[in-house]
N, C-alpha and C. Protein backbone atom coordinates (compact mmCIF):
# COMPACT_ATOMS: atom_id res chain seq x y z
N UNK A 1 98.15 80.93 54.06
CA UNK A 1 98.33 81.09 55.50
C UNK A 1 96.97 81.20 56.22
N UNK A 2 96.05 81.93 55.62
CA UNK A 2 94.75 82.14 56.25
C UNK A 2 93.98 80.83 56.39
N UNK A 3 94.13 79.94 55.39
CA UNK A 3 93.40 78.67 55.46
C UNK A 3 93.96 77.75 56.54
N UNK A 4 95.20 78.01 57.00
CA UNK A 4 95.81 77.21 58.07
C UNK A 4 95.23 77.56 59.44
N UNK A 5 94.82 78.81 59.61
CA UNK A 5 94.36 79.26 60.93
C UNK A 5 93.22 78.40 61.49
N UNK A 6 92.14 78.18 60.71
CA UNK A 6 91.05 77.36 61.28
C UNK A 6 91.44 75.90 61.49
N UNK A 7 92.33 75.38 60.64
CA UNK A 7 92.78 73.99 60.79
C UNK A 7 93.55 73.83 62.09
N UNK A 8 94.51 74.71 62.31
CA UNK A 8 95.31 74.66 63.55
C UNK A 8 94.41 74.90 64.76
N UNK A 9 93.49 75.85 64.63
CA UNK A 9 92.55 76.16 65.72
C UNK A 9 91.74 74.92 66.10
N UNK A 10 91.18 74.25 65.12
CA UNK A 10 90.36 73.05 65.39
C UNK A 10 91.18 71.93 66.02
N UNK A 11 92.42 71.77 65.54
CA UNK A 11 93.27 70.72 66.10
C UNK A 11 93.67 71.02 67.55
N UNK A 12 93.97 72.27 67.83
CA UNK A 12 94.30 72.64 69.22
C UNK A 12 93.10 72.42 70.12
N UNK A 13 91.92 72.84 69.66
CA UNK A 13 90.69 72.63 70.45
C UNK A 13 90.48 71.14 70.72
N UNK A 14 90.60 70.33 69.66
CA UNK A 14 90.38 68.88 69.80
C UNK A 14 91.37 68.27 70.79
N UNK A 15 92.63 68.60 70.64
CA UNK A 15 93.66 68.02 71.52
C UNK A 15 93.47 68.48 72.96
N UNK A 16 93.17 69.76 73.13
CA UNK A 16 92.97 70.29 74.49
C UNK A 16 91.78 69.60 75.16
N UNK A 17 90.69 69.48 74.44
CA UNK A 17 89.49 68.85 75.01
C UNK A 17 89.69 67.36 75.26
N UNK A 18 90.53 66.72 74.43
CA UNK A 18 90.78 65.28 74.64
C UNK A 18 91.52 65.03 75.96
N UNK A 19 92.21 66.06 76.46
CA UNK A 19 92.91 65.95 77.74
C UNK A 19 92.08 66.54 78.88
N UNK A 20 90.88 67.03 78.55
CA UNK A 20 90.00 67.68 79.54
C UNK A 20 90.66 68.89 80.20
N UNK A 21 91.39 69.66 79.41
CA UNK A 21 92.05 70.87 79.91
C UNK A 21 91.24 72.09 79.51
N UNK A 22 91.28 73.10 80.37
CA UNK A 22 90.71 74.39 80.01
C UNK A 22 91.76 75.16 79.20
N UNK A 23 91.34 76.26 78.62
CA UNK A 23 92.29 77.11 77.90
C UNK A 23 93.37 77.62 78.86
N UNK A 24 92.96 77.94 80.08
CA UNK A 24 93.92 78.44 81.08
C UNK A 24 94.95 77.37 81.44
N UNK A 25 94.51 76.12 81.54
CA UNK A 25 95.45 75.04 81.87
C UNK A 25 96.45 74.82 80.74
N UNK A 26 95.97 74.85 79.50
CA UNK A 26 96.87 74.71 78.36
C UNK A 26 97.85 75.88 78.33
N UNK A 27 97.34 77.08 78.56
CA UNK A 27 98.19 78.27 78.57
C UNK A 27 99.29 78.15 79.62
N UNK A 28 98.91 77.64 80.78
CA UNK A 28 99.87 77.49 81.87
C UNK A 28 100.97 76.50 81.50
N UNK A 29 100.59 75.41 80.86
CA UNK A 29 101.57 74.40 80.46
C UNK A 29 102.53 74.93 79.39
N UNK A 30 102.04 75.86 78.59
CA UNK A 30 102.88 76.44 77.54
C UNK A 30 103.57 77.72 78.00
N UNK A 31 103.23 78.16 79.22
CA UNK A 31 103.76 79.41 79.77
C UNK A 31 103.33 80.61 78.91
N UNK A 32 102.07 80.57 78.49
CA UNK A 32 101.47 81.64 77.71
C UNK A 32 100.21 82.10 78.42
N UNK A 33 99.63 83.22 77.96
CA UNK A 33 98.38 83.68 78.56
C UNK A 33 97.21 82.92 77.95
N UNK A 34 96.12 82.82 78.70
CA UNK A 34 94.94 82.16 78.17
C UNK A 34 94.31 82.97 77.04
N UNK A 35 94.61 84.28 77.00
CA UNK A 35 94.12 85.11 75.90
C UNK A 35 94.76 84.69 74.58
N UNK A 36 96.05 84.35 74.64
CA UNK A 36 96.75 83.89 73.43
C UNK A 36 96.15 82.58 72.94
N UNK A 37 95.89 81.66 73.88
CA UNK A 37 95.29 80.37 73.50
C UNK A 37 93.91 80.60 72.91
N UNK A 38 93.15 81.52 73.50
CA UNK A 38 91.81 81.83 73.00
C UNK A 38 91.89 82.36 71.57
N UNK A 39 92.87 83.21 71.28
CA UNK A 39 93.04 83.74 69.92
C UNK A 39 93.39 82.63 68.93
N UNK A 40 94.24 81.69 69.37
CA UNK A 40 94.58 80.57 68.49
C UNK A 40 93.34 79.75 68.18
N UNK A 41 92.54 79.49 69.22
CA UNK A 41 91.37 78.63 69.04
C UNK A 41 90.25 79.33 68.27
N UNK A 42 90.25 80.66 68.26
CA UNK A 42 89.26 81.40 67.45
C UNK A 42 89.80 81.68 66.04
N UNK A 43 90.99 81.16 65.77
CA UNK A 43 91.65 81.32 64.45
C UNK A 43 91.95 82.78 64.14
N UNK A 44 92.17 83.56 65.17
CA UNK A 44 92.55 84.96 64.97
C UNK A 44 94.05 85.11 64.77
N UNK A 45 94.80 84.13 65.30
CA UNK A 45 96.26 84.14 65.11
C UNK A 45 96.76 82.70 65.16
N UNK A 46 98.01 82.53 64.76
CA UNK A 46 98.64 81.21 64.76
C UNK A 46 99.86 81.28 65.68
N UNK A 47 100.05 80.25 66.49
CA UNK A 47 101.27 80.23 67.32
C UNK A 47 102.50 80.17 66.40
N UNK A 48 103.60 80.76 66.86
CA UNK A 48 104.82 80.68 66.05
C UNK A 48 105.34 79.24 66.04
N UNK A 49 106.33 78.97 65.23
CA UNK A 49 106.83 77.61 65.01
C UNK A 49 107.32 76.98 66.32
N UNK A 50 107.99 77.75 67.15
CA UNK A 50 108.51 77.21 68.42
C UNK A 50 107.36 76.77 69.31
N UNK A 51 106.31 77.58 69.37
CA UNK A 51 105.15 77.24 70.20
C UNK A 51 104.39 76.05 69.59
N UNK A 52 104.30 76.00 68.26
CA UNK A 52 103.67 74.85 67.62
C UNK A 52 104.39 73.56 67.99
N UNK A 53 105.73 73.63 68.02
CA UNK A 53 106.52 72.45 68.41
C UNK A 53 106.23 72.07 69.86
N UNK A 54 106.13 73.06 70.74
CA UNK A 54 105.82 72.77 72.15
C UNK A 54 104.43 72.17 72.30
N UNK A 55 103.48 72.68 71.52
CA UNK A 55 102.12 72.12 71.55
C UNK A 55 102.13 70.67 71.07
N UNK A 56 102.83 70.44 69.96
CA UNK A 56 102.92 69.09 69.41
C UNK A 56 103.55 68.13 70.42
N UNK A 57 104.64 68.56 71.06
CA UNK A 57 105.31 67.72 72.07
C UNK A 57 104.39 67.46 73.26
N UNK A 58 103.67 68.49 73.68
CA UNK A 58 102.78 68.36 74.83
C UNK A 58 101.70 67.30 74.59
N UNK A 59 101.19 67.25 73.37
CA UNK A 59 100.12 66.30 73.05
C UNK A 59 100.62 65.03 72.36
N UNK A 60 101.93 64.88 72.24
CA UNK A 60 102.54 63.69 71.64
C UNK A 60 102.08 63.50 70.19
N UNK A 61 102.04 64.60 69.46
CA UNK A 61 101.74 64.55 68.03
C UNK A 61 102.84 65.28 67.29
N UNK A 62 102.78 65.26 65.97
CA UNK A 62 103.77 65.99 65.16
C UNK A 62 103.22 67.37 64.81
N UNK A 63 104.11 68.24 64.34
CA UNK A 63 103.66 69.56 63.88
C UNK A 63 102.74 69.37 62.66
N UNK A 64 103.06 68.38 61.83
CA UNK A 64 102.21 68.09 60.67
C UNK A 64 100.77 67.80 61.11
N UNK A 65 100.62 67.08 62.20
CA UNK A 65 99.28 66.75 62.71
C UNK A 65 98.49 68.04 62.96
N UNK A 66 99.17 69.04 63.54
CA UNK A 66 98.49 70.30 63.85
C UNK A 66 98.06 71.06 62.60
N UNK A 67 98.74 70.79 61.48
CA UNK A 67 98.47 71.55 60.25
C UNK A 67 97.58 70.79 59.26
N UNK A 68 97.17 69.57 59.61
CA UNK A 68 96.33 68.77 58.72
C UNK A 68 94.88 68.80 59.20
N UNK A 69 93.98 68.91 58.23
CA UNK A 69 92.56 68.98 58.61
C UNK A 69 91.96 67.59 58.84
N UNK A 70 92.51 66.57 58.19
CA UNK A 70 92.01 65.21 58.38
C UNK A 70 93.12 64.33 58.92
N UNK A 71 92.73 63.43 59.82
CA UNK A 71 93.72 62.59 60.49
C UNK A 71 93.38 61.11 60.31
N UNK A 72 94.42 60.31 60.26
CA UNK A 72 94.23 58.87 60.09
C UNK A 72 93.87 58.20 61.40
N UNK A 73 93.50 56.94 61.31
CA UNK A 73 93.16 56.16 62.50
C UNK A 73 94.35 55.98 63.43
N UNK A 74 95.55 55.87 62.84
CA UNK A 74 96.77 55.71 63.66
C UNK A 74 96.99 56.91 64.56
N UNK A 75 96.68 58.08 64.03
CA UNK A 75 96.85 59.29 64.84
C UNK A 75 95.85 59.31 65.99
N UNK A 76 94.65 58.81 65.76
CA UNK A 76 93.65 58.71 66.82
C UNK A 76 94.12 57.73 67.89
N UNK A 77 94.76 56.63 67.44
CA UNK A 77 95.30 55.65 68.39
C UNK A 77 96.41 56.28 69.23
N UNK A 78 97.16 57.17 68.59
CA UNK A 78 98.24 57.86 69.31
C UNK A 78 97.68 58.63 70.50
N UNK A 79 96.49 59.21 70.33
CA UNK A 79 95.85 59.93 71.43
C UNK A 79 95.44 58.97 72.55
N UNK A 80 94.96 57.79 72.16
CA UNK A 80 94.57 56.78 73.16
C UNK A 80 95.79 56.34 73.96
N UNK A 81 96.94 56.23 73.28
CA UNK A 81 98.17 55.87 73.97
C UNK A 81 98.53 56.95 74.97
N UNK A 82 98.30 58.20 74.58
CA UNK A 82 98.61 59.31 75.48
C UNK A 82 97.77 59.23 76.76
N UNK A 83 96.48 58.88 76.62
CA UNK A 83 95.63 58.72 77.81
C UNK A 83 96.09 57.54 78.65
N UNK A 84 96.52 56.46 78.00
CA UNK A 84 97.05 55.30 78.72
C UNK A 84 98.32 55.69 79.47
N UNK A 85 99.15 56.49 78.82
CA UNK A 85 100.39 56.95 79.44
C UNK A 85 100.08 57.78 80.70
N UNK A 86 99.07 58.62 80.61
CA UNK A 86 98.66 59.44 81.76
C UNK A 86 98.21 58.54 82.91
N UNK A 87 97.42 57.52 82.57
CA UNK A 87 96.94 56.56 83.58
C UNK A 87 98.13 55.83 84.22
N UNK A 88 99.08 55.38 83.39
CA UNK A 88 100.26 54.67 83.90
C UNK A 88 101.09 55.55 84.84
N UNK A 89 101.22 56.80 84.49
CA UNK A 89 101.98 57.73 85.34
C UNK A 89 101.32 57.88 86.71
N UNK A 90 100.00 57.95 86.70
CA UNK A 90 99.25 58.04 87.96
C UNK A 90 99.50 56.80 88.82
N UNK A 91 99.46 55.63 88.20
CA UNK A 91 99.69 54.37 88.91
C UNK A 91 101.12 54.32 89.46
N UNK A 92 102.09 54.77 88.66
CA UNK A 92 103.49 54.77 89.11
C UNK A 92 103.65 55.66 90.34
N UNK A 93 103.02 56.83 90.33
CA UNK A 93 103.09 57.74 91.48
C UNK A 93 102.47 57.09 92.72
N UNK A 94 101.30 56.45 92.55
CA UNK A 94 100.65 55.78 93.69
C UNK A 94 101.48 54.61 94.22
N UNK A 95 102.08 53.85 93.31
CA UNK A 95 102.95 52.75 93.73
C UNK A 95 104.14 53.26 94.54
N UNK A 96 104.70 54.37 94.12
CA UNK A 96 105.84 54.94 94.83
C UNK A 96 105.46 55.40 96.24
N UNK A 97 104.30 56.03 96.35
CA UNK A 97 103.82 56.46 97.67
C UNK A 97 103.52 55.23 98.53
N UNK A 98 102.94 54.21 97.93
CA UNK A 98 102.66 52.96 98.67
C UNK A 98 103.95 52.33 99.17
N UNK A 99 105.00 52.42 98.37
CA UNK A 99 106.30 51.88 98.77
C UNK A 99 106.83 52.59 100.00
N UNK A 100 106.61 53.90 100.09
CA UNK A 100 107.03 54.66 101.28
C UNK A 100 106.35 54.09 102.52
N UNK A 101 105.05 53.82 102.41
CA UNK A 101 104.32 53.31 103.57
C UNK A 101 104.63 51.83 103.85
N UNK A 102 105.01 51.09 102.82
CA UNK A 102 105.47 49.72 103.05
C UNK A 102 106.76 49.73 103.87
N UNK A 103 107.69 50.60 103.48
CA UNK A 103 108.95 50.71 104.23
C UNK A 103 108.67 51.16 105.67
N UNK A 104 107.74 52.12 105.82
CA UNK A 104 107.38 52.58 107.17
C UNK A 104 106.80 51.44 108.00
N UNK A 105 105.99 50.60 107.37
CA UNK A 105 105.38 49.47 108.08
C UNK A 105 106.45 48.46 108.49
N UNK A 106 107.40 48.20 107.62
CA UNK A 106 108.50 47.27 107.96
C UNK A 106 109.28 47.81 109.16
N UNK A 107 109.60 49.10 109.13
CA UNK A 107 110.33 49.70 110.26
C UNK A 107 109.49 49.65 111.53
N UNK A 108 108.19 49.91 111.41
CA UNK A 108 107.28 49.85 112.55
C UNK A 108 107.30 48.46 113.19
N UNK A 109 107.19 47.43 112.34
CA UNK A 109 107.18 46.05 112.84
C UNK A 109 108.50 45.72 113.53
N UNK A 110 109.61 46.11 112.94
CA UNK A 110 110.93 45.85 113.56
C UNK A 110 111.02 46.53 114.91
N UNK A 111 110.54 47.78 115.01
CA UNK A 111 110.59 48.50 116.29
C UNK A 111 109.66 47.86 117.32
N UNK A 112 108.49 47.41 116.87
CA UNK A 112 107.53 46.80 117.79
C UNK A 112 108.02 45.44 118.30
N UNK A 113 108.75 44.73 117.47
CA UNK A 113 109.29 43.44 117.90
C UNK A 113 110.44 43.61 118.89
N UNK A 114 110.93 44.83 118.96
CA UNK A 114 111.96 45.13 119.95
C UNK A 114 113.35 44.69 119.56
N UNK A 115 113.55 44.35 118.29
CA UNK A 115 114.89 43.92 117.88
C UNK A 115 115.85 45.11 117.74
N UNK A 116 115.28 46.31 117.66
CA UNK A 116 116.10 47.52 117.60
C UNK A 116 115.62 48.45 118.70
N UNK A 117 116.54 48.92 119.53
CA UNK A 117 116.18 49.84 120.61
C UNK A 117 116.10 51.26 120.06
N UNK A 118 115.03 51.96 120.41
CA UNK A 118 114.85 53.32 119.94
C UNK A 118 114.18 54.15 121.00
N UNK A 119 114.54 55.45 121.04
CA UNK A 119 113.93 56.37 122.01
C UNK A 119 112.57 56.88 121.53
N UNK A 120 112.30 56.72 120.25
CA UNK A 120 111.02 57.22 119.73
C UNK A 120 109.99 56.09 119.69
N UNK A 121 108.75 56.50 119.74
CA UNK A 121 107.65 55.53 119.69
C UNK A 121 107.55 54.96 118.27
N UNK A 122 107.28 53.67 118.13
CA UNK A 122 107.20 53.06 116.79
C UNK A 122 106.18 53.71 115.86
N UNK A 123 105.06 54.20 116.42
CA UNK A 123 104.04 54.79 115.55
C UNK A 123 104.50 56.08 114.90
N UNK A 124 105.57 56.69 115.41
CA UNK A 124 106.11 57.91 114.82
C UNK A 124 106.65 57.66 113.41
N UNK A 125 106.96 56.42 113.10
CA UNK A 125 107.44 56.08 111.75
C UNK A 125 106.42 56.52 110.71
N UNK A 126 105.13 56.33 111.00
CA UNK A 126 104.09 56.74 110.05
C UNK A 126 103.99 58.26 109.95
N UNK A 127 104.23 58.95 111.06
CA UNK A 127 104.23 60.42 111.04
C UNK A 127 105.33 60.91 110.11
N UNK A 128 106.51 60.28 110.18
CA UNK A 128 107.63 60.66 109.31
C UNK A 128 107.38 60.23 107.86
N UNK A 129 106.59 59.19 107.67
CA UNK A 129 106.32 58.70 106.31
C UNK A 129 105.51 59.70 105.49
N UNK A 130 104.67 60.49 106.15
CA UNK A 130 103.85 61.43 105.40
C UNK A 130 104.67 62.50 104.68
N UNK A 131 105.61 63.20 105.35
CA UNK A 131 106.43 64.16 104.59
C UNK A 131 107.22 63.50 103.46
N UNK A 132 107.72 62.28 103.70
CA UNK A 132 108.45 61.58 102.64
C UNK A 132 107.52 61.28 101.47
N UNK A 133 106.29 60.86 101.76
CA UNK A 133 105.32 60.58 100.70
C UNK A 133 105.00 61.85 99.91
N UNK A 134 104.90 62.98 100.61
CA UNK A 134 104.63 64.25 99.92
C UNK A 134 105.80 64.64 99.01
N UNK A 135 107.03 64.35 99.44
CA UNK A 135 108.19 64.63 98.59
C UNK A 135 108.14 63.77 97.33
N UNK A 136 107.80 62.50 97.49
CA UNK A 136 107.67 61.59 96.33
C UNK A 136 106.59 62.11 95.38
N UNK A 137 105.44 62.50 95.94
CA UNK A 137 104.36 63.03 95.11
C UNK A 137 104.80 64.30 94.38
N UNK A 138 105.53 65.15 95.09
CA UNK A 138 106.00 66.40 94.49
C UNK A 138 106.91 66.14 93.29
N UNK A 139 107.79 65.16 93.43
CA UNK A 139 108.70 64.82 92.33
C UNK A 139 107.90 64.36 91.11
N UNK A 140 106.96 63.42 91.31
CA UNK A 140 106.19 62.91 90.18
C UNK A 140 105.26 63.97 89.59
N UNK A 141 104.67 64.78 90.46
CA UNK A 141 103.78 65.82 89.94
C UNK A 141 104.56 66.89 89.18
N UNK A 142 105.79 67.17 89.61
CA UNK A 142 106.63 68.13 88.88
C UNK A 142 106.97 67.62 87.49
N UNK A 143 107.13 66.31 87.38
CA UNK A 143 107.45 65.72 86.08
C UNK A 143 106.23 65.63 85.17
N UNK A 144 105.09 65.21 85.73
CA UNK A 144 103.96 64.85 84.89
C UNK A 144 102.66 65.59 85.18
N UNK A 145 102.57 66.27 86.30
CA UNK A 145 101.27 66.82 86.71
C UNK A 145 101.10 68.30 86.46
N UNK A 146 100.07 68.83 87.07
CA UNK A 146 99.75 70.24 86.93
C UNK A 146 100.55 71.06 87.94
N UNK A 147 100.98 72.22 87.50
CA UNK A 147 101.80 73.09 88.33
C UNK A 147 101.07 73.48 89.62
N UNK A 148 99.80 73.77 89.52
CA UNK A 148 99.05 74.21 90.71
C UNK A 148 98.97 73.12 91.78
N UNK A 149 98.96 71.88 91.35
CA UNK A 149 98.92 70.79 92.33
C UNK A 149 100.19 70.76 93.17
N UNK A 150 101.30 71.20 92.58
CA UNK A 150 102.56 71.26 93.34
C UNK A 150 102.42 72.10 94.60
N UNK A 151 101.68 73.21 94.50
CA UNK A 151 101.55 74.10 95.65
C UNK A 151 100.74 73.46 96.77
N UNK A 152 99.74 72.68 96.42
CA UNK A 152 98.98 71.94 97.44
C UNK A 152 99.87 70.90 98.10
N UNK A 153 100.69 70.22 97.30
CA UNK A 153 101.59 69.21 97.86
C UNK A 153 102.65 69.86 98.75
N UNK A 154 103.18 71.01 98.31
CA UNK A 154 104.19 71.72 99.13
C UNK A 154 103.57 72.17 100.45
N UNK A 155 102.33 72.64 100.41
CA UNK A 155 101.63 73.03 101.64
C UNK A 155 101.53 71.84 102.59
N UNK A 156 101.09 70.70 102.06
CA UNK A 156 100.97 69.49 102.89
C UNK A 156 102.34 69.07 103.43
N UNK A 157 103.38 69.21 102.62
CA UNK A 157 104.73 68.86 103.04
C UNK A 157 105.21 69.74 104.20
N UNK A 158 104.98 71.04 104.08
CA UNK A 158 105.41 71.98 105.15
C UNK A 158 104.71 71.65 106.46
N UNK A 159 103.37 71.55 106.40
CA UNK A 159 102.62 71.31 107.64
C UNK A 159 102.86 69.90 108.19
N UNK A 160 103.03 68.93 107.31
CA UNK A 160 103.33 67.57 107.75
C UNK A 160 104.69 67.48 108.43
N UNK A 161 105.66 68.21 107.90
CA UNK A 161 107.00 68.23 108.50
C UNK A 161 106.96 68.91 109.87
N UNK A 162 106.25 70.03 109.94
CA UNK A 162 106.13 70.74 111.23
C UNK A 162 105.44 69.85 112.27
N UNK A 163 104.41 69.13 111.84
CA UNK A 163 103.71 68.22 112.76
C UNK A 163 104.64 67.11 113.23
N UNK A 164 105.43 66.56 112.32
CA UNK A 164 106.37 65.49 112.68
C UNK A 164 107.39 65.98 113.70
N UNK A 165 107.92 67.18 113.48
CA UNK A 165 108.89 67.74 114.44
C UNK A 165 108.22 67.98 115.79
N UNK A 166 107.00 68.54 115.76
CA UNK A 166 106.28 68.81 117.01
C UNK A 166 106.03 67.52 117.79
N UNK A 167 105.56 66.48 117.12
CA UNK A 167 105.26 65.21 117.80
C UNK A 167 106.53 64.52 118.29
N UNK A 168 107.65 64.74 117.58
CA UNK A 168 108.91 64.16 118.02
C UNK A 168 109.35 64.75 119.36
N UNK A 169 109.15 66.05 119.50
CA UNK A 169 109.58 66.75 120.72
C UNK A 169 108.38 67.19 121.55
N UNK A 170 107.34 66.36 121.57
CA UNK A 170 106.09 66.67 122.27
C UNK A 170 106.32 66.99 123.75
N UNK A 171 107.24 66.27 124.36
CA UNK A 171 107.49 66.47 125.79
C UNK A 171 108.12 67.84 126.08
N UNK A 172 108.67 68.50 125.05
CA UNK A 172 109.30 69.82 125.26
C UNK A 172 108.32 70.96 124.99
N UNK A 173 107.08 70.64 124.58
CA UNK A 173 106.03 71.63 124.37
C UNK A 173 106.50 72.75 123.41
N UNK A 174 106.85 72.37 122.20
CA UNK A 174 107.35 73.35 121.23
C UNK A 174 106.27 73.72 120.21
N UNK A 175 105.07 74.02 120.69
CA UNK A 175 103.96 74.33 119.80
C UNK A 175 104.23 75.56 118.94
N UNK A 176 105.15 76.42 119.38
CA UNK A 176 105.48 77.61 118.60
C UNK A 176 106.08 77.28 117.23
N UNK A 177 106.49 76.03 117.07
CA UNK A 177 107.07 75.64 115.78
C UNK A 177 106.07 75.83 114.64
N UNK A 178 104.78 75.77 114.97
CA UNK A 178 103.76 75.96 113.93
C UNK A 178 103.72 77.39 113.40
N UNK A 179 104.34 78.32 114.15
CA UNK A 179 104.45 79.70 113.68
C UNK A 179 105.26 79.77 112.38
N UNK A 180 106.17 78.83 112.20
CA UNK A 180 106.98 78.78 110.97
C UNK A 180 106.08 78.53 109.77
N UNK A 181 105.00 77.80 109.99
CA UNK A 181 104.10 77.47 108.90
C UNK A 181 103.36 78.67 108.33
N UNK A 182 103.14 79.71 109.15
CA UNK A 182 102.36 80.87 108.68
C UNK A 182 103.10 81.62 107.57
N UNK A 183 104.34 82.09 107.81
CA UNK A 183 105.02 82.76 106.69
C UNK A 183 105.30 81.80 105.52
N UNK A 184 105.52 80.53 105.85
CA UNK A 184 105.74 79.55 104.78
C UNK A 184 104.51 79.46 103.89
N UNK A 185 103.35 79.43 104.51
CA UNK A 185 102.10 79.35 103.74
C UNK A 185 101.89 80.60 102.90
N UNK A 186 102.22 81.75 103.45
CA UNK A 186 102.09 83.01 102.69
C UNK A 186 103.00 82.97 101.46
N UNK A 187 104.24 82.51 101.65
CA UNK A 187 105.18 82.41 100.53
C UNK A 187 104.65 81.46 99.47
N UNK A 188 104.10 80.32 99.90
CA UNK A 188 103.55 79.34 98.95
C UNK A 188 102.39 79.95 98.16
N UNK A 189 101.50 80.67 98.84
CA UNK A 189 100.36 81.29 98.16
C UNK A 189 100.80 82.36 97.17
N UNK A 190 101.78 83.18 97.57
CA UNK A 190 102.28 84.21 96.65
C UNK A 190 102.98 83.57 95.45
N UNK A 191 103.75 82.53 95.71
CA UNK A 191 104.47 81.83 94.64
C UNK A 191 103.47 81.18 93.68
N UNK A 192 102.37 80.65 94.22
CA UNK A 192 101.36 80.01 93.38
C UNK A 192 100.70 81.01 92.44
N UNK A 193 100.59 82.27 92.88
CA UNK A 193 99.94 83.29 92.06
C UNK A 193 100.91 84.05 91.18
N UNK A 194 102.19 83.74 91.29
CA UNK A 194 103.20 84.38 90.45
C UNK A 194 103.46 83.51 89.23
N UNK A 195 103.37 84.10 88.08
CA UNK A 195 103.67 83.34 86.87
C UNK A 195 104.25 84.25 85.82
N UNK A 196 105.09 83.67 84.98
CA UNK A 196 105.67 84.40 83.87
C UNK A 196 104.90 84.00 82.62
N UNK A 197 104.11 84.93 82.10
CA UNK A 197 103.30 84.62 80.92
C UNK A 197 103.74 85.49 79.77
N UNK A 198 103.77 84.88 78.59
CA UNK A 198 104.07 85.63 77.37
C UNK A 198 102.78 86.18 76.81
N UNK A 199 102.89 87.29 76.13
CA UNK A 199 101.70 87.84 75.50
C UNK A 199 101.46 87.15 74.19
């Protein structure tokens, strides 16, 4: 058992660094404390089997990979595929956001050509597109990204939505609507600093 500790420690360090993650980021993804990750990487303790499985799944490797001191070329290629997968996910998210603005542009053109009568100004379509784009980003980031980035996206979504509502009813002078953003922002900040960590 003792000889496994440094092997697992080295593999966790290698995998974490290959993703350019800090110990805190890895801990967050595993819902553990960074102190626990630090102990694993210093070979002071070994994660239990359930956590080893979560680590293996997170890095797209097997539990055997974590317990072996030497790895084949195929396993190294597996890591390259993981980086490619990360790149592809980023492109998919950008394409989805671009699609939101393509649809907004089509609606803008239709409104400008006058084929559809509307009480709102055509340029407002782009104002509405921003909250929709933030929702799309939030979905993809929740699936594939970092938890902390979600809070930045939620902040942008709240303020973007408030701005869209304000600009829609600009003639009614409803600037007080931005007051809703203050407690919303406080809730987002508190939520961002709240986490359930295992010892």
